[in-house]
Amino acid sequence: MKQVSTETPMTIETTTAGILFLIGIMTVVTLVTRFGGAFIMSFVKINPRIESFINTMASSVLIAIIVPMAFSGDLGAVAALVVTAVIMLALRKPLPAIAAGIAAAGIVRYLT
């Protein structure tokens, strides 16, 4: 016989106070992870091997975010990725590439 849970799920009301509470929690978690990581890394001696790991990890995280969007994203997401990549390769400056990608996504989503 299947047992049914009588517990109510954890919910937070979507009032202004509830939303501000959630934003506050997310802010605290973000700050703790950022400062905690910097604090922990202050005890680690950075040698070439660790520096290589850190640089590679940044690229891996970026690829892990972008690749699924390229395959399962809508036409606006794909346009943003393509335009951003082309502008980045041409100019080698991230800010114009990001701005062009955002504009491309907006234009494609507006037109479709």
PDB file of N, CA and C in Angstrom:
ATOM      1  N   MET A   1       0.838  -1.165   0.000  1.00  0.00           N
ATOM      2  CA  MET A   1       0.000   0.000   0.000  1.00  0.00           C
ATOM      3  C   MET A   1       0.894   1.244   0.000  1.00  0.00           C
ATOM      4  N   LYS A   2       0.574   2.189  -0.874  1.00  0.00           N
ATOM      5  CA  LYS A   2       1.363   3.407  -1.002  1.00  0.00           C
ATOM      6  C   LYS A   2       0.977   4.392   0.098  1.00  0.00           C
ATOM      7  N   GLN A   3       1.999   4.928   0.762  1.00  0.00           N
ATOM      8  CA  GLN A   3       1.755   5.872   1.834  1.00  0.00           C
ATOM      9  C   GLN A   3       1.747   7.284   1.267  1.00  0.00           C
ATOM     10  N   VAL A   4       0.722   8.039   1.590  1.00  0.00           N
ATOM     11  CA  VAL A   4       0.575   9.398   1.103  1.00  0.00           C
ATOM     12  C   VAL A   4       1.110  10.357   2.150  1.00  0.00           C
ATOM     13  N   SER A   5       1.944  11.286   1.714  1.00  0.00           N
ATOM     14  CA  SER A   5       2.513  12.262   2.622  1.00  0.00           C
ATOM     15  C   SER A   5       1.488  13.330   2.953  1.00  0.00           C
ATOM     16  N   THR A   6       1.388  13.666   4.220  1.00  0.00           N
ATOM     17  CA  THR A   6       0.451  14.706   4.639  1.00  0.00           C
ATOM     18  C   THR A   6       1.152  16.032   4.875  1.00  0.00           C
ATOM     19  N   GLU A   7       2.467  16.058   4.656  1.00  0.00           N
ATOM     20  CA  GLU A   7       3.214  17.294   4.854  1.00  0.00           C
ATOM     21  C   GLU A   7       2.921  18.273   3.728  1.00  0.00           C
ATOM     22  N   THR A   8       2.873  19.536   4.064  1.00  0.00           N
ATOM     23  CA  THR A   8       2.695  20.548   3.028  1.00  0.00           C
ATOM     24  C   THR A   8       4.057  20.918   2.468  1.00  0.00           C
ATOM     25  N   PRO A   9       4.138  21.141   1.159  1.00  0.00           N
ATOM     26  CA  PRO A   9       5.435  21.505   0.580  1.00  0.00           C
ATOM     27  C   PRO A   9       5.869  22.888   1.061  1.00  0.00           C
ATOM     28  N   MET A  10       7.177  23.097   1.069  1.00  0.00           N
ATOM     29  CA  MET A  10       7.703  24.387   1.494  1.00  0.00           C
ATOM     30  C   MET A  10       7.415  25.414   0.404  1.00  0.00           C
ATOM     31  N   THR A  11       6.662  26.415   0.732  1.00  0.00           N
ATOM     32  CA  THR A  11       6.338  27.463  -0.231  1.00  0.00           C
ATOM     33  C   THR A  11       6.550  28.822   0.412  1.00  0.00           C
ATOM     34  N   ILE A  12       6.789  29.791  -0.427  1.00  0.00           N
ATOM     35  CA  ILE A  12       6.893  31.178   0.020  1.00  0.00           C
ATOM     36  C   ILE A  12       5.919  31.978  -0.817  1.00  0.00           C
ATOM     37  N   GLU A  13       5.127  32.773  -0.153  1.00  0.00           N
ATOM     38  CA  GLU A  13       4.121  33.565  -0.849  1.00  0.00           C
ATOM     39  C   GLU A  13       4.772  34.514  -1.859  1.00  0.00           C
ATOM     40  N   THR A  14       4.124  34.695  -2.980  1.00  0.00           N
ATOM     41  CA  THR A  14       4.667  35.591  -4.000  1.00  0.00           C
ATOM     42  C   THR A  14       4.151  37.015  -3.798  1.00  0.00           C
ATOM     43  N   THR A  15       4.276  37.469  -2.587  1.00  0.00           N
ATOM     44  CA  THR A  15       3.981  38.867  -2.291  1.00  0.00           C
ATOM     45  C   THR A  15       5.286  39.646  -2.381  1.00  0.00           C
ATOM     46  N   THR A  16       5.209  40.921  -2.226  1.00  0.00           N
ATOM     47  CA  THR A  16       6.424  41.743  -2.274  1.00  0.00           C
ATOM     48  C   THR A  16       7.409  41.318  -1.188  1.00  0.00           C
ATOM     49  N   ALA A  17       6.910  41.059  -0.004  1.00  0.00           N
ATOM     50  CA  ALA A  17       7.790  40.652   1.095  1.00  0.00           C
ATOM     51  C   ALA A  17       8.421  39.288   0.808  1.00  0.00           C
ATOM     52  N   GLY A  18       7.639  38.364   0.258  1.00  0.00           N
ATOM     53  CA  GLY A  18       8.168  37.041  -0.071  1.00  0.00           C
ATOM     54  C   GLY A  18       9.239  37.098  -1.142  1.00  0.00           C
ATOM     55  N   ILE A  19       9.009  37.918  -2.139  1.00  0.00           N
ATOM     56  CA  ILE A  19       9.987  38.063  -3.217  1.00  0.00           C
ATOM     57  C   ILE A  19      11.271  38.709  -2.692  1.00  0.00           C
ATOM     58  N   LEU A  20      11.124  39.745  -1.882  1.00  0.00           N
ATOM     59  CA  LEU A  20      12.306  40.390  -1.293  1.00  0.00           C
ATOM     60  C   LEU A  20      13.060  39.427  -0.383  1.00  0.00           C
ATOM     61  N   PHE A  21      12.335  38.579   0.339  1.00  0.00           N
ATOM     62  CA  PHE A  21      12.963  37.569   1.188  1.00  0.00           C
ATOM     63  C   PHE A  21      13.788  36.595   0.338  1.00  0.00           C
ATOM     64  N   LEU A  22      13.227  36.133  -0.762  1.00  0.00           N
ATOM     65  CA  LEU A  22      13.949  35.218  -1.649  1.00  0.00           C
ATOM     66  C   LEU A  22      15.187  35.881  -2.251  1.00  0.00           C
ATOM     67  N   ILE A  23      15.049  37.126  -2.667  1.00  0.00           N
ATOM     68  CA  ILE A  23      16.200  37.852  -3.209  1.00  0.00           C
ATOM     69  C   ILE A  23      17.283  37.991  -2.137  1.00  0.00           C
ATOM     70  N   GLY A  24      16.875  38.266  -0.904  1.00  0.00           N
ATOM     71  CA  GLY A  24      17.835  38.363   0.198  1.00  0.00           C
ATOM     72  C   GLY A  24      18.560  37.048   0.435  1.00  0.00           C
ATOM     73  N   ILE A  25      17.832  35.932   0.424  1.00  0.00           N
ATOM     74  CA  ILE A  25      18.462  34.624   0.609  1.00  0.00           C
ATOM     75  C   ILE A  25      19.452  34.345  -0.518  1.00  0.00           C
ATOM     76  N   MET A  26      19.049  34.609  -1.757  1.00  0.00           N
ATOM     77  CA  MET A  26      19.945  34.369  -2.893  1.00  0.00           C
ATOM     78  C   MET A  26      21.183  35.262  -2.807  1.00  0.00           C
ATOM     79  N   THR A  27      21.018  36.490  -2.337  1.00  0.00           N
ATOM     80  CA  THR A  27      22.156  37.394  -2.174  1.00  0.00           C
ATOM     81  C   THR A  27      23.139  36.854  -1.147  1.00  0.00           C
ATOM     82  N   VAL A  28      22.620  36.399  -0.023  1.00  0.00           N
ATOM     83  CA  VAL A  28      23.485  35.867   1.036  1.00  0.00           C
ATOM     84  C   VAL A  28      24.229  34.624   0.545  1.00  0.00           C
ATOM     85  N   VAL A  29      23.527  33.713  -0.132  1.00  0.00           N
ATOM     86  CA  VAL A  29      24.168  32.495  -0.634  1.00  0.00           C
ATOM     87  C   VAL A  29      25.259  32.849  -1.644  1.00  0.00           C
ATOM     88  N   THR A  30      24.983  33.790  -2.535  1.00  0.00           N
ATOM     89  CA  THR A  30      25.976  34.206  -3.524  1.00  0.00           C
ATOM     90  C   THR A  30      27.210  34.801  -2.846  1.00  0.00           C
ATOM     91  N   LEU A  31      26.992  35.694  -1.887  1.00  0.00           N
ATOM     92  CA  LEU A  31      28.117  36.323  -1.201  1.00  0.00           C
ATOM     93  C   LEU A  31      28.938  35.308  -0.410  1.00  0.00           C
ATOM     94  N   VAL A  32      28.267  34.372   0.256  1.00  0.00           N
ATOM     95  CA  VAL A  32      28.994  33.364   1.034  1.00  0.00           C
ATOM     96  C   VAL A  32      29.844  32.496   0.117  1.00  0.00           C
ATOM     97  N   THR A  33      29.291  32.080  -1.035  1.00  0.00           N
ATOM     98  CA  THR A  33      30.082  31.238  -1.926  1.00  0.00           C
ATOM     99  C   THR A  33      31.234  32.017  -2.552  1.00  0.00           C
ATOM    100  N   ARG A  34      30.999  33.254  -2.918  1.00  0.00           N
ATOM    101  CA  ARG A  34      32.085  34.061  -3.511  1.00  0.00           C
ATOM    102  C   ARG A  34      33.195  34.348  -2.505  1.00  0.00           C
ATOM    103  N   PHE A  35      32.820  34.880  -1.349  1.00  0.00           N
ATOM    104  CA  PHE A  35      33.831  35.204  -0.341  1.00  0.00           C
ATOM    105  C   PHE A  35      34.446  33.942   0.249  1.00  0.00           C
ATOM    106  N   GLY A  36      33.645  32.896   0.398  1.00  0.00           N
ATOM    107  CA  GLY A  36      34.168  31.631   0.914  1.00  0.00           C
ATOM    108  C   GLY A  36      35.206  31.038  -0.019  1.00  0.00           C
ATOM    109  N   GLY A  37      34.942  31.084  -1.321  1.00  0.00           N
ATOM    110  CA  GLY A  37      35.915  30.578  -2.286  1.00  0.00           C
ATOM    111  C   GLY A  37      37.208  31.369  -2.253  1.00  0.00           C
ATOM    112  N   ALA A  38      37.089  32.685  -2.178  1.00  0.00           N
ATOM    113  CA  ALA A  38      38.294  33.525  -2.103  1.00  0.00           C
ATOM    114  C   ALA A  38      39.046  33.271  -0.800  1.00  0.00           C
ATOM    115  N   PHE A  39      38.307  33.078   0.303  1.00  0.00           N
ATOM    116  CA  PHE A  39      38.936  32.807   1.589  1.00  0.00           C
ATOM    117  C   PHE A  39      39.692  31.478   1.558  1.00  0.00           C
ATOM    118  N   ILE A  40      39.049  30.451   1.039  1.00  0.00           N
ATOM    119  CA  ILE A  40      39.702  29.134   0.967  1.00  0.00           C
ATOM    120  C   ILE A  40      40.923  29.187   0.052  1.00  0.00           C
ATOM    121  N   MET A  41      40.789  29.863  -1.086  1.00  0.00           N
ATOM    122  CA  MET A  41      41.915  29.940  -2.023  1.00  0.00           C
ATOM    123  C   MET A  41      43.070  30.777  -1.474  1.00  0.00           C
ATOM    124  N   SER A  42      42.820  31.599  -0.452  1.00  0.00           N
ATOM    125  CA  SER A  42      43.916  32.374   0.138  1.00  0.00           C
ATOM    126  C   SER A  42      44.919  31.474   0.862  1.00  0.00           C
ATOM    127  N   PHE A  43      44.504  30.252   1.177  1.00  0.00           N
ATOM    128  CA  PHE A  43      45.394  29.297   1.838  1.00  0.00           C
ATOM    129  C   PHE A  43      46.115  28.385   0.848  1.00  0.00           C
ATOM    130  N   VAL A  44      45.787  28.496  -0.432  1.00  0.00           N
ATOM    131  CA  VAL A  44      46.361  27.609  -1.448  1.00  0.00           C
ATOM    132  C   VAL A  44      47.454  28.351  -2.203  1.00  0.00           C
ATOM    133  N   LYS A  45      48.610  27.724  -2.296  1.00  0.00           N
ATOM    134  CA  LYS A  45      49.695  28.312  -3.071  1.00  0.00           C
ATOM    135  C   LYS A  45      49.406  28.056  -4.551  1.00  0.00           C
ATOM    136  N   ILE A  46      49.346  29.138  -5.326  1.00  0.00           N
ATOM    137  CA  ILE A  46      49.013  29.021  -6.746  1.00  0.00           C
ATOM    138  C   ILE A  46      50.286  28.676  -7.520  1.00  0.00           C
ATOM    139  N   ASN A  47      50.347  27.444  -7.982  1.00  0.00           N
ATOM    140  CA  ASN A  47      51.461  27.029  -8.826  1.00  0.00           C
ATOM    141  C   ASN A  47      50.939  26.887 -10.256  1.00  0.00           C
ATOM    142  N   PRO A  48      51.785  26.646 -11.235  1.00  0.00           N
ATOM    143  CA  PRO A  48      51.322  26.561 -12.626  1.00  0.00           C
ATOM    144  C   PRO A  48      50.229  25.507 -12.848  1.00  0.00           C
ATOM    145  N   ARG A  49      50.295  24.411 -12.117  1.00  0.00           N
ATOM    146  CA  ARG A  49      49.292  23.360 -12.278  1.00  0.00           C
ATOM    147  C   ARG A  49      47.916  23.843 -11.805  1.00  0.00           C
ATOM    148  N   ILE A  50      47.861  24.509 -10.667  1.00  0.00           N
ATOM    149  CA  ILE A  50      46.588  25.020 -10.142  1.00  0.00           C
ATOM    150  C   ILE A  50      46.067  26.146 -11.029  1.00  0.00           C
ATOM    151  N   GLU A  51      46.950  27.002 -11.494  1.00  0.00           N
ATOM    152  CA  GLU A  51      46.533  28.081 -12.389  1.00  0.00           C
ATOM    153  C   GLU A  51      45.939  27.520 -13.675  1.00  0.00           C
ATOM    154  N   SER A  52      46.535  26.482 -14.202  1.00  0.00           N
ATOM    155  CA  SER A  52      46.012  25.823 -15.405  1.00  0.00           C
ATOM    156  C   SER A  52      44.635  25.230 -15.131  1.00  0.00           C
ATOM    157  N   PHE A  53      44.467  24.606 -13.964  1.00  0.00           N
ATOM    158  CA  PHE A  53      43.172  24.038 -13.586  1.00  0.00           C
ATOM    159  C   PHE A  53      42.098  25.119 -13.514  1.00  0.00           C
ATOM    160  N   ILE A  54      42.422  26.242 -12.882  1.00  0.00           N
ATOM    161  CA  ILE A  54      41.452  27.329 -12.735  1.00  0.00           C
ATOM    162  C   ILE A  54      41.051  27.874 -14.106  1.00  0.00           C
ATOM    163  N   ASN A  55      42.017  28.086 -14.980  1.00  0.00           N
ATOM    164  CA  ASN A  55      41.714  28.599 -16.322  1.00  0.00           C
ATOM    165  C   ASN A  55      40.868  27.610 -17.120  1.00  0.00           C
ATOM    166  N   THR A  56      41.188  26.334 -17.022  1.00  0.00           N
ATOM    167  CA  THR A  56      40.434  25.320 -17.739  1.00  0.00           C
ATOM    168  C   THR A  56      39.026  25.187 -17.180  1.00  0.00           C
ATOM    169  N   MET A  57      38.878  25.295 -15.885  1.00  0.00           N
ATOM    170  CA  MET A  57      37.575  25.167 -15.248  1.00  0.00           C
ATOM    171  C   MET A  57      36.633  26.264 -15.717  1.00  0.00           C
ATOM    172  N   ALA A  58      37.128  27.480 -15.877  1.00  0.00           N
ATOM    173  CA  ALA A  58      36.285  28.577 -16.337  1.00  0.00           C
ATOM    174  C   ALA A  58      35.731  28.278 -17.733  1.00  0.00           C
ATOM    175  N   SER A  59      36.569  27.775 -18.609  1.00  0.00           N
ATOM    176  CA  SER A  59      36.118  27.428 -19.958  1.00  0.00           C
ATOM    177  C   SER A  59      35.118  26.283 -19.921  1.00  0.00           C
ATOM    178  N   SER A  60      35.349  25.306 -19.070  1.00  0.00           N
ATOM    179  CA  SER A  60      34.454  24.157 -18.972  1.00  0.00           C
ATOM    180  C   SER A  60      33.065  24.569 -18.505  1.00  0.00           C
ATOM    181  N   VAL A  61      33.006  25.455 -17.535  1.00  0.00           N
ATOM    182  CA  VAL A  61      31.711  25.922 -17.036  1.00  0.00           C
ATOM    183  C   VAL A  61      30.978  26.691 -18.134  1.00  0.00           C
ATOM    184  N   LEU A  62      31.692  27.544 -18.842  1.00  0.00           N
ATOM    185  CA  LEU A  62      31.086  28.300 -19.933  1.00  0.00           C
ATOM    186  C   LEU A  62      30.540  27.376 -21.008  1.00  0.00           C
ATOM    187  N   ILE A  63      31.295  26.380 -21.390  1.00  0.00           N
ATOM    188  CA  ILE A  63      30.849  25.425 -22.410  1.00  0.00           C
ATOM    189  C   ILE A  63      29.654  24.623 -21.907  1.00  0.00           C
ATOM    190  N   ALA A  64      29.664  24.240 -20.642  1.00  0.00           N
ATOM    191  CA  ALA A  64      28.547  23.479 -20.079  1.00  0.00           C
ATOM    192  C   ALA A  64      27.250  24.283 -20.084  1.00  0.00           C
ATOM    193  N   ILE A  65      27.342  25.581 -20.035  1.00  0.00           N
ATOM    194  CA  ILE A  65      26.147  26.429 -20.081  1.00  0.00           C
ATOM    195  C   ILE A  65      25.701  26.656 -21.517  1.00  0.00           C
ATOM    196  N   ILE A  66      26.634  26.860 -22.413  1.00  0.00           N
ATOM    197  CA  ILE A  66      26.305  27.249 -23.785  1.00  0.00           C
ATOM    198  C   ILE A  66      25.856  26.086 -24.658  1.00  0.00           C
ATOM    199  N   VAL A  67      26.510  24.952 -24.578  1.00  0.00           N
ATOM    200  CA  VAL A  67      26.204  23.835 -25.484  1.00  0.00           C
ATOM    201  C   VAL A  67      24.751  23.369 -25.384  1.00  0.00           C
ATOM    202  N   PRO A  68      24.193  23.145 -24.197  1.00  0.00           N
ATOM    203  CA  PRO A  68      22.782  22.735 -24.168  1.00  0.00           C
ATOM    204  C   PRO A  68      21.851  23.775 -24.788  1.00  0.00           C
ATOM    205  N   MET A  69      22.178  25.048 -24.608  1.00  0.00           N
ATOM    206  CA  MET A  69      21.351  26.100 -25.194  1.00  0.00           C
ATOM    207  C   MET A  69      21.433  26.074 -26.720  1.00  0.00           C
ATOM    208  N   ALA A  70      22.577  25.719 -27.249  1.00  0.00           N
ATOM    209  CA  ALA A  70      22.737  25.668 -28.698  1.00  0.00           C
ATOM    210  C   ALA A  70      21.884  24.561 -29.307  1.00  0.00           C
ATOM    211  N   PHE A  71      21.710  23.463 -28.571  1.00  0.00           N
ATOM    212  CA  PHE A  71      20.957  22.333 -29.115  1.00  0.00           C
ATOM    213  C   PHE A  71      19.479  22.355 -28.764  1.00  0.00           C
ATOM    214  N   SER A  72      19.124  22.927 -27.616  1.00  0.00           N
ATOM    215  CA  SER A  72      17.716  22.892 -27.215  1.00  0.00           C
ATOM    216  C   SER A  72      17.079  24.277 -27.126  1.00  0.00           C
ATOM    217  N   GLY A  73      17.851  25.325 -27.378  1.00  0.00           N
ATOM    218  CA  GLY A  73      17.319  26.678 -27.292  1.00  0.00           C
ATOM    219  C   GLY A  73      16.465  27.030 -28.497  1.00  0.00           C
ATOM    220  N   ASP A  74      15.728  28.099 -28.370  1.00  0.00           N
ATOM    221  CA  ASP A  74      14.910  28.556 -29.487  1.00  0.00           C
ATOM    222  C   ASP A  74      15.790  29.267 -30.515  1.00  0.00           C
ATOM    223  N   LEU A  75      15.167  29.758 -31.568  1.00  0.00           N
ATOM    224  CA  LEU A  75      15.901  30.406 -32.653  1.00  0.00           C
ATOM    225  C   LEU A  75      16.639  31.656 -32.163  1.00  0.00           C
ATOM    226  N   GLY A  76      16.059  32.361 -31.200  1.00  0.00           N
ATOM    227  CA  GLY A  76      16.716  33.543 -30.643  1.00  0.00           C
ATOM    228  C   GLY A  76      17.999  33.192 -29.914  1.00  0.00           C
ATOM    229  N   ALA A  77      17.990  32.089 -29.171  1.00  0.00           N
ATOM    230  CA  ALA A  77      19.189  31.664 -28.450  1.00  0.00           C
ATOM    231  C   ALA A  77      20.292  31.258 -29.414  1.00  0.00           C
ATOM    232  N   VAL A  78      19.924  30.537 -30.455  1.00  0.00           N
ATOM    233  CA  VAL A  78      20.917  30.112 -31.447  1.00  0.00           C
ATOM    234  C   VAL A  78      21.489  31.327 -32.171  1.00  0.00           C
ATOM    235  N   ALA A  79      20.634  32.282 -32.529  1.00  0.00           N
ATOM    236  CA  ALA A  79      21.108  33.504 -33.195  1.00  0.00           C
ATOM    237  C   ALA A  79      22.069  34.266 -32.284  1.00  0.00           C
ATOM    238  N   ALA A  80      21.738  34.351 -30.993  1.00  0.00           N
ATOM    239  CA  ALA A  80      22.606  35.048 -30.041  1.00  0.00           C
ATOM    240  C   ALA A  80      23.966  34.368 -29.956  1.00  0.00           C
ATOM    241  N   LEU A  81      23.985  33.046 -29.904  1.00  0.00           N
ATOM    242  CA  LEU A  81      25.251  32.314 -29.820  1.00  0.00           C
ATOM    243  C   LEU A  81      26.096  32.520 -31.066  1.00  0.00           C
ATOM    244  N   VAL A  82      25.465  32.427 -32.233  1.00  0.00           N
ATOM    245  CA  VAL A  82      26.212  32.563 -33.486  1.00  0.00           C
ATOM    246  C   VAL A  82      26.765  33.982 -33.633  1.00  0.00           C
ATOM    247  N   VAL A  83      25.921  34.972 -33.412  1.00  0.00           N
ATOM    248  CA  VAL A  83      26.359  36.362 -33.560  1.00  0.00           C
ATOM    249  C   VAL A  83      27.443  36.693 -32.539  1.00  0.00           C
ATOM    250  N   THR A  84      27.279  36.257 -31.306  1.00  0.00           N
ATOM    251  CA  THR A  84      28.290  36.511 -30.287  1.00  0.00           C
ATOM    252  C   THR A  84      29.627  35.880 -30.662  1.00  0.00           C
ATOM    253  N   ALA A  85      29.583  34.644 -31.141  1.00  0.00           N
ATOM    254  CA  ALA A  85      30.821  33.953 -31.528  1.00  0.00           C
ATOM    255  C   ALA A  85      31.505  34.668 -32.693  1.00  0.00           C
ATOM    256  N   VAL A  86      30.738  35.057 -33.698  1.00  0.00           N
ATOM    257  CA  VAL A  86      31.323  35.718 -34.869  1.00  0.00           C
ATOM    258  C   VAL A  86      31.945  37.062 -34.489  1.00  0.00           C
ATOM    259  N   ILE A  87      31.206  37.863 -33.714  1.00  0.00           N
ATOM    260  CA  ILE A  87      31.717  39.185 -33.310  1.00  0.00           C
ATOM    261  C   ILE A  87      32.947  39.022 -32.401  1.00  0.00           C
ATOM    262  N   MET A  88      32.920  38.037 -31.526  1.00  0.00           N
ATOM    263  CA  MET A  88      34.064  37.817 -30.631  1.00  0.00           C
ATOM    264  C   MET A  88      35.300  37.412 -31.423  1.00  0.00           C
ATOM    265  N   LEU A  89      35.121  36.543 -32.415  1.00  0.00           N
ATOM    266  CA  LEU A  89      36.256  36.128 -33.234  1.00  0.00           C
ATOM    267  C   LEU A  89      36.782  37.292 -34.084  1.00  0.00           C
ATOM    268  N   ALA A  90      35.872  38.154 -34.546  1.00  0.00           N
ATOM    269  CA  ALA A  90      36.280  39.270 -35.402  1.00  0.00           C
ATOM    270  C   ALA A  90      36.951  40.386 -34.608  1.00  0.00           C
ATOM    271  N   LEU A  91      36.337  40.774 -33.476  1.00  0.00           N
ATOM    272  CA  LEU A  91      36.834  41.932 -32.731  1.00  0.00           C
ATOM    273  C   LEU A  91      37.723  41.574 -31.541  1.00  0.00           C
ATOM    274  N   ARG A  92      37.578  40.378 -31.029  1.00  0.00           N
ATOM    275  CA  ARG A  92      38.297  39.926 -29.838  1.00  0.00           C
ATOM    276  C   ARG A  92      38.024  40.822 -28.627  1.00  0.00           C
ATOM    277  N   LYS A  93      36.804  41.341 -28.565  1.00  0.00           N
ATOM    278  CA  LYS A  93      36.376  42.167 -27.429  1.00  0.00           C
ATOM    279  C   LYS A  93      35.024  41.642 -26.959  1.00  0.00           C
ATOM    280  N   PRO A  94      34.916  41.268 -25.685  1.00  0.00           N
ATOM    281  CA  PRO A  94      33.677  40.630 -25.231  1.00  0.00           C
ATOM    282  C   PRO A  94      32.461  41.549 -25.159  1.00  0.00           C
ATOM    283  N   LEU A  95      32.626  42.808 -24.781  1.00  0.00           N
ATOM    284  CA  LEU A  95      31.464  43.670 -24.598  1.00  0.00           C
ATOM    285  C   LEU A  95      30.665  43.885 -25.890  1.00  0.00           C
ATOM    286  N   PRO A  96      31.304  44.233 -27.012  1.00  0.00           N
ATOM    287  CA  PRO A  96      30.514  44.364 -28.245  1.00  0.00           C
ATOM    288  C   PRO A  96      29.897  43.029 -28.673  1.00  0.00           C
ATOM    289  N   ALA A  97      30.600  41.933 -28.435  1.00  0.00           N
ATOM    290  CA  ALA A  97      30.074  40.620 -28.814  1.00  0.00           C
ATOM    291  C   ALA A  97      28.825  40.285 -28.003  1.00  0.00           C
ATOM    292  N   ILE A  98      28.868  40.560 -26.699  1.00  0.00           N
ATOM    293  CA  ILE A  98      27.707  40.292 -25.851  1.00  0.00           C
ATOM    294  C   ILE A  98      26.542  41.187 -26.245  1.00  0.00           C
ATOM    295  N   ALA A  99      26.820  42.461 -26.494  1.00  0.00           N
ATOM    296  CA  ALA A  99      25.762  43.391 -26.894  1.00  0.00           C
ATOM    297  C   ALA A  99      25.129  42.959 -28.213  1.00  0.00           C
ATOM    298  N   ALA A 100      25.942  42.532 -29.168  1.00  0.00           N
ATOM    299  CA  ALA A 100      25.415  42.076 -30.454  1.00  0.00           C
ATOM    300  C   ALA A 100      24.594  40.802 -30.286  1.00  0.00           C
ATOM    301  N   GLY A 101      25.034  39.905 -29.412  1.00  0.00           N
ATOM    302  CA  GLY A 101      24.277  38.678 -29.153  1.00  0.00           C
ATOM    303  C   GLY A 101      22.925  38.963 -28.530  1.00  0.00           C
ATOM    304  N   ILE A 102      22.883  39.879 -27.574  1.00  0.00           N
ATOM    305  CA  ILE A 102      21.617  40.258 -26.950  1.00  0.00           C
ATOM    306  C   ILE A 102      20.687  40.889 -27.987  1.00  0.00           C
ATOM    307  N   ALA A 103      21.250  41.773 -28.809  1.00  0.00           N
ATOM    308  CA  ALA A 103      20.446  42.414 -29.856  1.00  0.00           C
ATOM    309  C   ALA A 103      19.923  41.381 -30.846  1.00  0.00           C
ATOM    310  N   ALA A 104      20.761  40.427 -31.232  1.00  0.00           N
ATOM    311  CA  ALA A 104      20.331  39.395 -32.182  1.00  0.00           C
ATOM    312  C   ALA A 104      19.195  38.565 -31.606  1.00  0.00           C
ATOM    313  N   ALA A 105      19.310  38.171 -30.348  1.00  0.00           N
ATOM    314  CA  ALA A 105      18.236  37.393 -29.715  1.00  0.00           C
ATOM    315  C   ALA A 105      16.945  38.201 -29.667  1.00  0.00           C
ATOM    316  N   GLY A 106      17.051  39.467 -29.300  1.00  0.00           N
ATOM    317  CA  GLY A 106      15.867  40.307 -29.243  1.00  0.00           C
ATOM    318  C   GLY A 106      15.202  40.487 -30.595  1.00  0.00           C
ATOM    319  N   ILE A 107      16.005  40.736 -31.620  1.00  0.00           N
ATOM    320  CA  ILE A 107      15.449  40.937 -32.977  1.00  0.00           C
ATOM    321  C   ILE A 107      14.788  39.668 -33.485  1.00  0.00           C
ATOM    322  N   VAL A 108      15.470  38.541 -33.341  1.00  0.00           N
ATOM    323  CA  VAL A 108      14.907  37.274 -33.825  1.00  0.00           C
ATOM    324  C   VAL A 108      13.628  36.935 -33.071  1.00  0.00           C
ATOM    325  N   ARG A 109      13.609  37.112 -31.781  1.00  0.00           N
ATOM    326  CA  ARG A 109      12.400  36.808 -31.001  1.00  0.00           C
ATOM    327  C   ARG A 109      11.268  37.779 -31.307  1.00  0.00           C
ATOM    328  N   TYR A 110      11.607  39.011 -31.626  1.00  0.00           N
ATOM    329  CA  TYR A 110      10.568  39.985 -31.998  1.00  0.00           C
ATOM    330  C   TYR A 110       9.954  39.624 -33.348  1.00  0.00           C
ATOM    331  N   LEU A 111      10.791  39.179 -34.278  1.00  0.00           N
ATOM    332  CA  LEU A 111      10.319  38.888 -35.640  1.00  0.00           C
ATOM    333  C   LEU A 111       9.623  37.537 -35.755  1.00  0.00           C
ATOM    334  N   THR A 112       9.869  36.631 -34.816  1.00  0.00           N
ATOM    335  CA  THR A 112       9.229  35.313 -34.919  1.00  0.00           C
ATOM    336  C   THR A 112       8.098  35.139 -33.956  1.00  0.00           C
TER     337      THR A 112
END
